Amino acid sequence: MSTVTIQIPDYLKLHIENLVEREGMTLDQFFATAVSEKIAAIEAVDYISSRANRANEDAFQAALSKIPSTPVTADWDKLPPALVSEPESHDSN
């Protein structure tokens, strides 16, 4: 384990102290969890970006062309006609 000293505004420290008391955790647990969550979020963005960079439009279109042209929604899962509204017209008069 390592020790790290950080500086945060007093109002934020009070807010965190209230949260950890309410949640039954320590300040150490709170900060370790917060840092872990931030690392996971950054790594997720990096992973998604790397996957997007490998995208191939032709392969995507080829995969889409294999999907049959059938209704996506089963009849039992559709709104009753009385609840379906017509799209609003956006005339430019």
N, C-alpha and C. Protein backbone atom coordinates (compact mmCIF):
# COMPACT_ATOMS: atom_id res chain seq x y z
N MET A 1 0.85 -1.18 0.00
CA MET A 1 0.00 0.00 0.00
C MET A 1 0.89 1.24 0.00
N SER A 2 0.36 2.30 -0.56
CA SER A 2 1.07 3.57 -0.61
C SER A 2 0.22 4.65 0.02
N THR A 3 0.88 5.68 0.49
CA THR A 3 0.19 6.83 1.06
C THR A 3 0.33 8.00 0.10
N VAL A 4 -0.80 8.67 -0.16
CA VAL A 4 -0.83 9.82 -1.05
C VAL A 4 -1.51 10.96 -0.31
N THR A 5 -0.94 12.12 -0.38
CA THR A 5 -1.55 13.31 0.23
C THR A 5 -2.14 14.15 -0.88
N ILE A 6 -3.41 14.52 -0.72
CA ILE A 6 -4.06 15.36 -1.73
C ILE A 6 -4.66 16.58 -1.04
N GLN A 7 -4.89 17.61 -1.83
CA GLN A 7 -5.56 18.80 -1.32
C GLN A 7 -6.89 18.93 -2.04
N ILE A 8 -7.96 19.08 -1.26
CA ILE A 8 -9.29 19.29 -1.83
C ILE A 8 -9.95 20.43 -1.06
N PRO A 9 -10.91 21.10 -1.70
CA PRO A 9 -11.61 22.18 -1.01
C PRO A 9 -12.36 21.65 0.23
N ASP A 10 -12.48 22.52 1.23
CA ASP A 10 -13.14 22.12 2.49
C ASP A 10 -14.57 21.64 2.25
N TYR A 11 -15.33 22.34 1.38
CA TYR A 11 -16.72 21.94 1.15
C TYR A 11 -16.80 20.53 0.57
N LEU A 12 -15.83 20.17 -0.27
CA LEU A 12 -15.82 18.85 -0.86
C LEU A 12 -15.47 17.80 0.19
N LYS A 13 -14.52 18.11 1.06
CA LYS A 13 -14.14 17.19 2.13
C LYS A 13 -15.32 16.92 3.04
N LEU A 14 -16.07 17.96 3.39
CA LEU A 14 -17.25 17.76 4.24
C LEU A 14 -18.29 16.89 3.55
N HIS A 15 -18.49 17.12 2.28
CA HIS A 15 -19.46 16.33 1.52
C HIS A 15 -19.03 14.85 1.48
N ILE A 16 -17.76 14.61 1.24
CA ILE A 16 -17.24 13.24 1.19
C ILE A 16 -17.36 12.58 2.56
N GLU A 17 -17.04 13.31 3.62
CA GLU A 17 -17.15 12.75 4.97
C GLU A 17 -18.58 12.35 5.28
N ASN A 18 -19.55 13.16 4.86
CA ASN A 18 -20.96 12.80 5.06
C ASN A 18 -21.32 11.55 4.27
N LEU A 19 -20.84 11.46 3.04
CA LEU A 19 -21.13 10.28 2.22
C LEU A 19 -20.55 9.00 2.80
N VAL A 20 -19.29 9.06 3.21
CA VAL A 20 -18.66 7.83 3.71
C VAL A 20 -19.30 7.39 5.02
N GLU A 21 -19.72 8.35 5.84
CA GLU A 21 -20.41 7.98 7.08
C GLU A 21 -21.74 7.31 6.76
N ARG A 22 -22.46 7.90 5.82
CA ARG A 22 -23.76 7.34 5.44
C ARG A 22 -23.61 5.95 4.80
N GLU A 23 -22.55 5.77 4.01
CA GLU A 23 -22.34 4.51 3.31
C GLU A 23 -21.59 3.48 4.15
N GLY A 24 -21.07 3.89 5.30
CA GLY A 24 -20.35 2.95 6.16
C GLY A 24 -18.99 2.54 5.61
N MET A 25 -18.30 3.50 5.04
CA MET A 25 -16.97 3.21 4.51
C MET A 25 -15.97 4.21 5.07
N THR A 26 -14.71 3.97 4.80
CA THR A 26 -13.68 4.90 5.26
C THR A 26 -13.32 5.85 4.12
N LEU A 27 -12.63 6.94 4.47
CA LEU A 27 -12.13 7.85 3.44
C LEU A 27 -11.19 7.12 2.48
N ASP A 28 -10.35 6.26 3.02
CA ASP A 28 -9.44 5.49 2.18
C ASP A 28 -10.22 4.65 1.16
N GLN A 29 -11.27 3.96 1.63
CA GLN A 29 -12.08 3.15 0.72
C GLN A 29 -12.74 4.03 -0.34
N PHE A 30 -13.25 5.18 0.06
CA PHE A 30 -13.91 6.07 -0.88
C PHE A 30 -12.96 6.50 -1.99
N PHE A 31 -11.78 6.98 -1.61
CA PHE A 31 -10.83 7.46 -2.61
C PHE A 31 -10.29 6.33 -3.47
N ALA A 32 -10.05 5.16 -2.89
CA ALA A 32 -9.58 4.02 -3.69
C ALA A 32 -10.64 3.63 -4.71
N THR A 33 -11.91 3.63 -4.30
CA THR A 33 -13.00 3.29 -5.21
C THR A 33 -13.15 4.36 -6.28
N ALA A 34 -13.09 5.63 -5.89
CA ALA A 34 -13.23 6.72 -6.85
C ALA A 34 -12.12 6.67 -7.91
N VAL A 35 -10.90 6.43 -7.48
CA VAL A 35 -9.78 6.35 -8.42
C VAL A 35 -9.95 5.14 -9.34
N SER A 36 -10.37 4.01 -8.79
CA SER A 36 -10.59 2.81 -9.60
C SER A 36 -11.65 3.05 -10.66
N GLU A 37 -12.74 3.72 -10.28
CA GLU A 37 -13.82 4.01 -11.23
C GLU A 37 -13.33 4.95 -12.33
N LYS A 38 -12.53 5.94 -11.99
CA LYS A 38 -12.01 6.87 -12.98
C LYS A 38 -11.07 6.16 -13.95
N ILE A 39 -10.22 5.30 -13.42
CA ILE A 39 -9.31 4.53 -14.28
C ILE A 39 -10.12 3.67 -15.25
N ALA A 40 -11.14 3.00 -14.74
CA ALA A 40 -11.98 2.14 -15.59
C ALA A 40 -12.65 2.96 -16.69
N ALA A 41 -13.13 4.16 -16.37
CA ALA A 41 -13.79 5.01 -17.36
C ALA A 41 -12.82 5.43 -18.45
N ILE A 42 -11.62 5.83 -18.06
CA ILE A 42 -10.61 6.24 -19.04
C ILE A 42 -10.20 5.06 -19.93
N GLU A 43 -9.99 3.91 -19.31
CA GLU A 43 -9.60 2.74 -20.08
C GLU A 43 -10.71 2.29 -21.02
N ALA A 44 -11.97 2.46 -20.62
CA ALA A 44 -13.09 2.10 -21.49
C ALA A 44 -13.11 2.99 -22.73
N VAL A 45 -12.87 4.28 -22.54
CA VAL A 45 -12.83 5.20 -23.68
C VAL A 45 -11.67 4.82 -24.61
N ASP A 46 -10.52 4.50 -24.04
CA ASP A 46 -9.38 4.09 -24.85
C ASP A 46 -9.70 2.82 -25.64
N TYR A 47 -10.35 1.86 -25.00
CA TYR A 47 -10.69 0.59 -25.66
C TYR A 47 -11.68 0.83 -26.80
N ILE A 48 -12.72 1.63 -26.53
CA ILE A 48 -13.72 1.91 -27.56
C ILE A 48 -13.08 2.65 -28.73
N SER A 49 -12.21 3.59 -28.45
CA SER A 49 -11.51 4.32 -29.51
C SER A 49 -10.66 3.39 -30.36
N SER A 50 -9.96 2.47 -29.72
CA SER A 50 -9.11 1.55 -30.48
C SER A 50 -9.96 0.63 -31.34
N ARG A 51 -11.14 0.22 -30.84
CA ARG A 51 -12.03 -0.61 -31.65
C ARG A 51 -12.59 0.20 -32.81
N ALA A 52 -12.96 1.46 -32.57
CA ALA A 52 -13.50 2.31 -33.63
C ALA A 52 -12.47 2.53 -34.73
N ASN A 53 -11.20 2.64 -34.36
CA ASN A 53 -10.15 2.85 -35.36
C ASN A 53 -9.97 1.64 -36.27
N ARG A 54 -10.41 0.46 -35.81
CA ARG A 54 -10.29 -0.75 -36.62
C ARG A 54 -11.55 -1.01 -37.44
N ALA A 55 -12.53 -0.11 -37.37
CA ALA A 55 -13.80 -0.31 -38.07
C ALA A 55 -13.59 -0.40 -39.58
N ASN A 56 -14.44 -1.21 -40.21
CA ASN A 56 -14.38 -1.38 -41.66
C ASN A 56 -15.80 -1.22 -42.20
N GLU A 57 -16.05 -0.13 -42.91
CA GLU A 57 -17.39 0.18 -43.41
C GLU A 57 -17.91 -0.90 -44.34
N ASP A 58 -17.07 -1.44 -45.21
CA ASP A 58 -17.50 -2.47 -46.15
C ASP A 58 -17.92 -3.74 -45.41
N ALA A 59 -17.14 -4.15 -44.42
CA ALA A 59 -17.49 -5.35 -43.64
C ALA A 59 -18.79 -5.13 -42.87
N PHE A 60 -18.98 -3.92 -42.36
CA PHE A 60 -20.21 -3.59 -41.64
C PHE A 60 -21.42 -3.69 -42.57
N GLN A 61 -21.32 -3.10 -43.75
CA GLN A 61 -22.42 -3.15 -44.72
C GLN A 61 -22.69 -4.59 -45.17
N ALA A 62 -21.64 -5.37 -45.33
CA ALA A 62 -21.82 -6.77 -45.72
C ALA A 62 -22.58 -7.54 -44.64
N ALA A 63 -22.24 -7.27 -43.37
CA ALA A 63 -22.95 -7.93 -42.27
C ALA A 63 -24.41 -7.49 -42.23
N LEU A 64 -24.66 -6.20 -42.42
CA LEU A 64 -26.04 -5.70 -42.42
C LEU A 64 -26.86 -6.30 -43.54
N SER A 65 -26.24 -6.54 -44.68
CA SER A 65 -26.98 -7.08 -45.84
C SER A 65 -27.46 -8.51 -45.59
N LYS A 66 -26.91 -9.19 -44.59
CA LYS A 66 -27.33 -10.56 -44.27
C LYS A 66 -28.54 -10.61 -43.35
N ILE A 67 -28.96 -9.46 -42.83
CA ILE A 67 -30.11 -9.42 -41.92
C ILE A 67 -31.38 -9.40 -42.76
N PRO A 68 -32.29 -10.37 -42.54
CA PRO A 68 -33.51 -10.41 -43.35
C PRO A 68 -34.40 -9.18 -43.10
N SER A 69 -35.13 -8.83 -44.12
CA SER A 69 -36.03 -7.68 -44.07
C SER A 69 -37.37 -8.10 -43.46
N THR A 70 -37.43 -8.21 -42.18
CA THR A 70 -38.67 -8.60 -41.50
C THR A 70 -38.98 -7.56 -40.44
N PRO A 71 -40.26 -7.50 -40.02
CA PRO A 71 -40.60 -6.54 -38.96
C PRO A 71 -39.76 -6.82 -37.71
N VAL A 72 -39.25 -5.77 -37.13
CA VAL A 72 -38.41 -5.91 -35.95
C VAL A 72 -39.25 -6.18 -34.70
N THR A 73 -40.42 -5.56 -34.65
CA THR A 73 -41.26 -5.66 -33.46
C THR A 73 -42.40 -6.65 -33.69
N ALA A 74 -42.55 -7.59 -32.78
CA ALA A 74 -43.67 -8.53 -32.86
C ALA A 74 -44.98 -7.78 -32.61
N ASP A 75 -46.06 -8.26 -33.21
CA ASP A 75 -47.35 -7.58 -33.08
C ASP A 75 -47.76 -7.39 -31.63
N TRP A 76 -47.49 -8.37 -30.78
CA TRP A 76 -47.90 -8.26 -29.38
C TRP A 76 -47.15 -7.17 -28.63
N ASP A 77 -46.03 -6.70 -29.20
CA ASP A 77 -45.19 -5.71 -28.52
C ASP A 77 -45.36 -4.30 -29.09
N LYS A 78 -46.38 -4.10 -29.93
CA LYS A 78 -46.60 -2.79 -30.54
C LYS A 78 -47.65 -2.03 -29.76
N LEU A 79 -47.55 -0.69 -29.81
CA LEU A 79 -48.57 0.16 -29.19
C LEU A 79 -49.90 0.00 -29.92
N PRO A 80 -51.00 0.08 -29.19
CA PRO A 80 -52.30 0.08 -29.86
C PRO A 80 -52.39 1.30 -30.77
N PRO A 81 -53.06 1.17 -31.92
CA PRO A 81 -53.15 2.29 -32.88
C PRO A 81 -53.64 3.59 -32.25
N ALA A 82 -54.51 3.51 -31.26
CA ALA A 82 -55.05 4.72 -30.62
C ALA A 82 -53.95 5.50 -29.90
N LEU A 83 -52.87 4.85 -29.51
CA LEU A 83 -51.80 5.53 -28.78
C LEU A 83 -50.67 6.01 -29.68
N VAL A 84 -50.72 5.65 -30.95
CA VAL A 84 -49.68 6.04 -31.88
C VAL A 84 -50.06 7.36 -32.52
N SER A 85 -49.21 8.36 -32.38
CA SER A 85 -49.50 9.67 -32.98
C SER A 85 -48.75 9.80 -34.29
N GLU A 86 -49.32 10.59 -35.17
CA GLU A 86 -48.68 10.85 -36.46
C GLU A 86 -47.51 11.80 -36.23
N PRO A 87 -46.46 11.65 -37.00
CA PRO A 87 -45.33 12.58 -36.88
C PRO A 87 -45.78 13.99 -37.21
N GLU A 88 -45.22 14.96 -36.48
CA GLU A 88 -45.57 16.36 -36.72
C GLU A 88 -45.00 16.83 -38.04
N SER A 89 -45.79 17.62 -38.75
CA SER A 89 -45.33 18.17 -40.01
C SER A 89 -44.49 19.42 -39.70
N HIS A 90 -43.37 19.55 -40.40
CA HIS A 90 -42.49 20.71 -40.21
C HIS A 90 -42.45 21.55 -41.47
N ASP A 91 -43.61 22.13 -41.80
CA ASP A 91 -43.68 22.97 -42.98
C ASP A 91 -42.85 24.22 -42.77
N SER A 92 -42.24 24.70 -43.82
CA SER A 92 -41.41 25.90 -43.72
C SER A 92 -42.11 27.08 -44.38
N ASN A 93 -43.37 27.33 -44.02
CA ASN A 93 -44.11 28.46 -44.59
C ASN A 93 -43.77 29.73 -43.92
